[in-house]
Amino acid sequence: MALRVGYIGLGNIGLPMAERLLRPELNLTVFDMAEAAAANFQGKARIAENAADVGASADLIGICVRDDADVEQVVTALLTRMRSGLIAIHSTVRPATVLELAARAKVHGVTVIDAAVTGGADGARNGRLTCMVGGDPAALDQARPLLSAYCSNIVHAGATGQGMTLKIVNNLVTYVELLGAVEAYRLAAAAGLDPARLSEVMTDNGNLTPSMRAYVGFRANGPAQIGTDLFVATQTALATLAEKDLALAIDLAADCGLAVPLGDATARLFRDAVTRI
């Protein structure tokens, strides 16, 4: 008998993650507020009328929506219909949000784990995401049929909330590196240096990671390939995401009694740096 799984949030990363669940051993139900996104699954999976409907139709459910408020709204809806099963939160949210929702879900006999992911849309399409999980080891085992569909590396970070903590800290490094790369390549061009030589050296010394290489290439070729207006729109969206993720890191640091001045500076400078051609 096919395992009943659900997925809510069919955006840039959520859509390819959910598509990985289209397999014979899984009975998939999906939902997204945007009907056009859900329409991608017409004839392939059950399309729910709302989030609560997914809760009535699935035992393992992945969530990939925008922010804490959206996650809270979705989980609240799911708990109106669920009396068992597991919810995996893939959205990047505050660890405290996960802890609060896990406590509420437990009353209903439902397990909530944080299962933050990294690897982007390409990683999702290829089933190569890294998943950072917080929760009981038994809960992780319960979630594996869902997570293994789109994750090639599942890291158990610790107790509930620790998966999200790991993702937030990793994001801090990512955005600091991206800002540094934007400034470095801009300086190289201004100084008359061939950017390819900088990429060669940075590849050799490990500074140019695969994700950084992809981003640098997009910045170099994007305006010509997709047009200036669309390029700026993509970078504006990136800046909005970065500001949200960096705010989570700054808040986490404050909760720990730490200062993160580089994180503060990155949050302040990121939007101008990436949206300027």
Protein backbone atom coordinates (compact mmCIF):
# COMPACT_ATOMS: atom_id res chain seq x y z
CA MET A 1 0.00 0.00 0.00
CA ALA A 2 1.38 3.42 -0.98
CA LEU A 3 2.48 5.73 1.82
CA ARG A 4 0.30 8.85 2.10
CA VAL A 5 2.46 11.96 1.80
CA GLY A 6 1.64 15.64 1.41
CA TYR A 7 3.44 18.78 0.36
CA ILE A 8 2.46 22.42 0.93
CA GLY A 9 4.25 25.32 -0.77
CA LEU A 10 5.03 24.89 -4.46
CA GLY A 11 7.41 27.78 -5.04
CA ASN A 12 10.89 27.95 -6.54
CA ILE A 13 12.27 25.14 -4.37
CA GLY A 14 9.05 23.60 -3.09
CA LEU A 15 7.80 22.70 -6.57
CA PRO A 16 10.78 20.52 -7.57
CA MET A 17 10.84 19.01 -4.07
CA ALA A 18 7.20 17.98 -4.41
CA GLU A 19 7.81 16.66 -7.93
CA ARG A 20 10.36 14.25 -6.45
CA LEU A 21 7.48 12.71 -4.48
CA LEU A 22 5.75 11.59 -7.67
CA ARG A 23 6.66 7.92 -7.38
CA PRO A 24 4.64 4.69 -7.24
CA GLU A 25 5.28 3.96 -3.56
CA LEU A 26 3.96 7.38 -2.49
CA ASN A 27 0.38 8.65 -2.66
CA LEU A 28 0.89 12.43 -2.97
CA THR A 29 -1.44 15.30 -2.06
CA VAL A 30 -0.30 18.88 -2.71
CA PHE A 31 -1.52 22.39 -1.95
CA ASP A 32 -0.47 25.93 -2.75
CA MET A 33 -2.35 29.21 -2.41
CA ALA A 34 -1.48 29.91 -6.05
CA GLU A 35 -3.72 27.69 -8.18
CA ALA A 36 -1.29 27.94 -11.11
CA ALA A 37 1.44 26.31 -9.01
CA ALA A 38 -0.82 23.46 -7.93
CA ALA A 39 -1.94 22.98 -11.54
CA ASN A 40 1.51 21.50 -12.29
CA PHE A 41 0.24 18.36 -10.53
CA GLN A 42 -3.00 18.01 -12.44
CA GLY A 43 -3.43 14.33 -13.30
CA LYS A 44 -0.28 13.41 -11.35
CA ALA A 45 -1.27 13.87 -7.69
CA ARG A 46 -4.28 14.83 -5.61
CA ILE A 47 -4.65 18.63 -5.39
CA ALA A 48 -6.10 19.63 -2.02
CA GLU A 49 -8.65 22.39 -1.56
CA ASN A 50 -6.75 23.88 1.39
CA ALA A 51 -4.00 23.09 3.87
CA ALA A 52 -6.36 21.36 6.30
CA ASP A 53 -7.40 19.02 3.49
CA VAL A 54 -3.77 17.89 3.19
CA GLY A 55 -3.82 17.06 6.89
CA ALA A 56 -6.75 14.72 6.33
CA SER A 57 -5.09 13.04 3.35
CA ALA A 58 -1.46 12.46 4.37
CA ASP A 59 0.61 10.98 7.18
CA LEU A 60 3.95 12.60 6.27
CA ILE A 61 3.79 16.24 5.21
CA GLY A 62 6.51 18.64 4.03
CA ILE A 63 6.05 22.40 4.29
CA CYS A 64 8.03 24.98 2.30
CA VAL A 65 6.37 28.37 2.64
CA ARG A 66 7.71 31.88 3.10
CA ASP A 67 8.18 32.74 6.76
CA ASP A 68 7.26 32.10 10.40
CA ALA A 69 3.75 33.50 10.05
CA ASP A 70 3.01 31.33 7.02
CA VAL A 71 4.39 28.21 8.71
CA GLU A 72 2.31 28.88 11.81
CA GLN A 73 -0.82 29.34 9.69
CA VAL A 74 -0.23 26.12 7.74
CA VAL A 75 0.53 23.98 10.80
CA THR A 76 -2.51 25.36 12.62
CA ALA A 77 -4.67 24.35 9.65
CA LEU A 78 -3.11 20.88 9.45
CA LEU A 79 -3.74 20.22 13.13
CA THR A 80 -7.46 20.72 12.67
CA ARG A 81 -7.53 17.43 10.72
CA MET A 82 -4.45 15.44 11.81
CA ARG A 83 -4.48 13.05 14.77
CA SER A 84 -1.22 11.27 14.00
CA GLY A 85 1.67 11.50 11.55
CA LEU A 86 4.56 13.90 11.04
CA ILE A 87 5.09 17.42 9.71
CA ALA A 88 8.55 18.39 8.38
CA ILE A 89 9.16 22.15 8.29
CA HIS A 90 11.50 22.98 5.40
CA SER A 91 11.00 26.76 5.56
CA THR A 92 13.77 28.72 7.27
CA VAL A 93 12.18 30.05 10.46
CA ARG A 94 13.11 30.84 14.06
CA PRO A 95 13.97 27.77 16.16
CA ALA A 96 11.48 29.05 18.75
CA THR A 97 8.73 28.83 16.14
CA VAL A 98 9.49 25.15 15.57
CA LEU A 99 9.55 24.44 19.30
CA GLU A 100 6.21 26.16 19.83
CA LEU A 101 4.55 24.33 16.95
CA ALA A 102 6.04 20.99 18.01
CA ALA A 103 4.54 21.43 21.48
CA ARG A 104 1.12 22.28 20.03
CA ALA A 105 1.24 19.35 17.61
CA LYS A 106 2.15 16.87 20.34
CA VAL A 107 -1.23 17.50 21.98
CA HIS A 108 -2.85 16.26 18.76
CA GLY A 109 -0.62 13.18 18.53
CA VAL A 110 1.38 14.74 15.67
CA THR A 111 5.18 15.03 15.47
CA VAL A 112 6.84 18.19 14.12
CA ILE A 113 10.49 18.25 13.08
CA ASP A 114 12.59 21.02 11.59
CA ALA A 115 14.07 19.86 8.30
CA ALA A 116 15.77 22.89 6.77
CA VAL A 117 17.27 22.35 3.33
CA THR A 118 20.08 23.80 1.26
CA GLY A 119 21.07 23.19 -2.34
CA GLY A 120 18.66 25.36 -4.29
CA ALA A 121 16.15 24.51 -6.99
CA ASP A 122 18.68 22.48 -9.00
CA GLY A 123 19.50 20.40 -5.95
CA ALA A 124 15.80 19.79 -5.38
CA ARG A 125 15.23 18.73 -9.00
CA ASN A 126 18.13 16.28 -8.84
CA GLY A 127 17.36 14.96 -5.36
CA ARG A 128 20.64 16.39 -4.09
CA LEU A 129 19.53 18.66 -1.26
CA THR A 130 21.19 18.62 2.14
CA CYS A 131 18.64 18.45 4.96
CA MET A 132 19.40 19.68 8.49
CA VAL A 133 17.06 17.95 10.90
CA GLY A 134 16.14 18.77 14.47
CA GLY A 135 14.12 16.24 16.43
CA ASP A 136 14.10 12.84 18.05
CA PRO A 137 16.02 10.13 16.14
CA ALA A 138 12.83 8.06 15.93
CA ALA A 139 11.07 11.01 14.31
CA LEU A 140 13.86 11.30 11.76
CA ASP A 141 13.47 7.62 10.91
CA GLN A 142 9.74 8.19 10.48
CA ALA A 143 10.41 11.11 8.11
CA ARG A 144 13.03 9.39 5.93
CA PRO A 145 10.62 8.15 3.22
CA LEU A 146 9.68 11.80 2.65
CA LEU A 147 13.11 13.40 3.04
CA SER A 148 15.05 10.83 1.03
CA ALA A 149 12.96 11.63 -2.05
CA TYR A 150 14.72 14.99 -2.46
CA CYS A 151 17.70 14.91 -0.09
CA SER A 152 20.95 13.05 -0.69
CA ASN A 153 22.48 14.13 2.62
CA ILE A 154 20.45 14.15 5.84
CA VAL A 155 22.27 15.68 8.82
CA HIS A 156 20.78 15.12 12.27
CA ALA A 157 21.72 18.36 14.02
CA GLY A 158 20.22 17.44 17.38
CA ALA A 159 17.04 18.17 19.30
CA THR A 160 14.02 20.00 17.92
CA GLY A 161 15.07 23.45 16.68
CA GLN A 162 18.71 22.56 16.12
CA GLY A 163 18.21 21.81 12.43
CA MET A 164 16.90 25.33 11.95
CA THR A 165 19.75 26.73 14.04
CA LEU A 166 22.26 24.97 11.78
CA LYS A 167 20.57 26.36 8.66
CA ILE A 168 20.52 29.92 10.04
CA VAL A 169 24.22 29.82 10.92
CA ASN A 170 25.08 28.34 7.53
CA ASN A 171 23.07 31.09 5.83
CA LEU A 172 25.10 33.71 7.66
CA VAL A 173 28.27 32.33 6.07
CA THR A 174 26.61 32.13 2.65
CA TYR A 175 25.49 35.75 2.52
CA VAL A 176 28.79 37.09 3.87
CA GLU A 177 30.58 35.14 1.13
CA LEU A 178 28.20 36.35 -1.58
CA LEU A 179 28.67 39.96 -0.58
CA GLY A 180 32.45 39.50 -0.53
CA ALA A 181 32.38 37.95 -4.00
CA VAL A 182 30.26 40.76 -5.46
CA GLU A 183 32.67 43.36 -4.10
CA ALA A 184 35.77 41.41 -5.19
CA TYR A 185 34.63 40.92 -8.80
CA ARG A 186 33.52 44.55 -9.01
CA LEU A 187 36.95 45.65 -7.78
CA ALA A 188 38.72 43.29 -10.20
CA ALA A 189 36.81 44.75 -13.15
CA ALA A 190 37.47 48.33 -12.04
CA ALA A 191 41.18 47.57 -11.74
CA GLY A 192 41.33 46.15 -15.27
CA LEU A 193 41.73 42.53 -14.20
CA ASP A 194 40.23 39.70 -16.25
CA PRO A 195 37.57 38.18 -13.94
CA ALA A 196 38.45 34.74 -15.31
CA ARG A 197 41.86 34.99 -13.66
CA LEU A 198 40.23 35.76 -10.31
CA SER A 199 37.91 32.77 -10.75
CA GLU A 200 40.90 30.56 -11.60
CA VAL A 201 42.74 31.48 -8.41
CA MET A 202 39.62 31.34 -6.23
CA THR A 203 38.79 27.89 -7.59
CA ASP A 204 42.29 26.65 -6.83
CA ASN A 205 42.33 27.98 -3.27
CA GLY A 206 38.78 26.86 -2.48
CA ASN A 207 37.19 30.30 -2.20
CA LEU A 208 34.98 29.75 -5.25
CA THR A 209 32.51 27.05 -4.20
CA PRO A 210 30.17 25.50 -6.79
CA SER A 211 27.25 27.65 -5.63
CA MET A 212 29.44 30.76 -5.63
CA ARG A 213 30.65 29.94 -9.15
CA ALA A 214 27.06 29.65 -10.36
CA TYR A 215 26.16 32.99 -8.78
CA VAL A 216 29.23 34.77 -10.15
CA GLY A 217 28.45 33.41 -13.61
CA PHE A 218 24.86 34.61 -13.38
CA ARG A 219 25.97 38.09 -12.36
CA ALA A 220 28.37 38.22 -15.29
CA ASN A 221 25.96 36.95 -17.94
CA GLY A 222 22.48 37.47 -16.50
CA PRO A 223 21.78 41.02 -17.74
CA ALA A 224 22.58 40.02 -21.34
CA GLN A 225 20.76 36.69 -21.13
CA ILE A 226 17.50 37.75 -19.49
CA GLY A 227 17.55 41.54 -19.74
CA THR A 228 18.51 44.17 -17.21
CA ASP A 229 15.05 44.63 -15.71
CA LEU A 230 14.50 40.93 -15.03
CA PHE A 231 18.05 40.56 -13.71
CA VAL A 232 17.51 43.38 -11.23
CA ALA A 233 14.20 41.81 -10.23
CA THR A 234 15.93 38.51 -9.43
CA GLN A 235 18.56 40.29 -7.36
CA THR A 236 15.91 42.31 -5.54
CA ALA A 237 14.17 39.05 -4.61
CA LEU A 238 17.51 37.63 -3.44
CA ALA A 239 18.09 40.72 -1.30
CA THR A 240 14.67 40.38 0.32
CA LEU A 241 15.39 36.73 1.16
CA ALA A 242 18.86 37.62 2.45
CA GLU A 243 17.51 40.32 4.74
CA LYS A 244 14.98 37.89 6.19
CA ASP A 245 17.59 35.15 6.71
CA LEU A 246 20.19 37.53 8.13
CA ALA A 247 17.62 38.93 10.56
CA LEU A 248 17.13 35.38 11.84
CA ALA A 249 20.89 35.04 12.37
CA ILE A 250 21.14 38.40 14.12
CA ASP A 251 18.19 37.53 16.38
CA LEU A 252 19.72 34.13 17.17
CA ALA A 253 22.99 35.81 18.11
CA ALA A 254 21.14 38.22 20.39
CA ASP A 255 19.36 35.31 22.07
CA CYS A 256 22.80 33.77 22.69
CA GLY A 257 24.25 37.03 24.03
CA LEU A 258 26.60 37.42 21.07
CA ALA A 259 27.32 40.26 18.66
CA VAL A 260 27.68 39.49 14.95
CA PRO A 261 28.96 42.78 13.49
CA LEU A 262 29.81 41.19 10.14
CA GLY A 263 26.27 39.88 9.93
CA ASP A 264 24.94 43.34 10.79
CA ALA A 265 27.07 44.92 8.06
CA THR A 266 26.08 42.31 5.49
CA ALA A 267 22.40 42.89 6.19
CA ARG A 268 22.89 46.64 5.78
CA LEU A 269 24.93 46.47 2.56
CA PHE A 270 23.57 43.43 0.72
CA ARG A 271 20.65 44.95 -1.19
CA ASP A 272 22.62 47.82 -2.70
CA ALA A 273 25.52 45.55 -3.60
CA VAL A 274 23.57 42.88 -5.47
CA THR A 275 21.02 45.11 -7.23
CA ARG A 276 23.69 47.43 -8.63
CA ILE A 277 24.96 46.32 -12.06
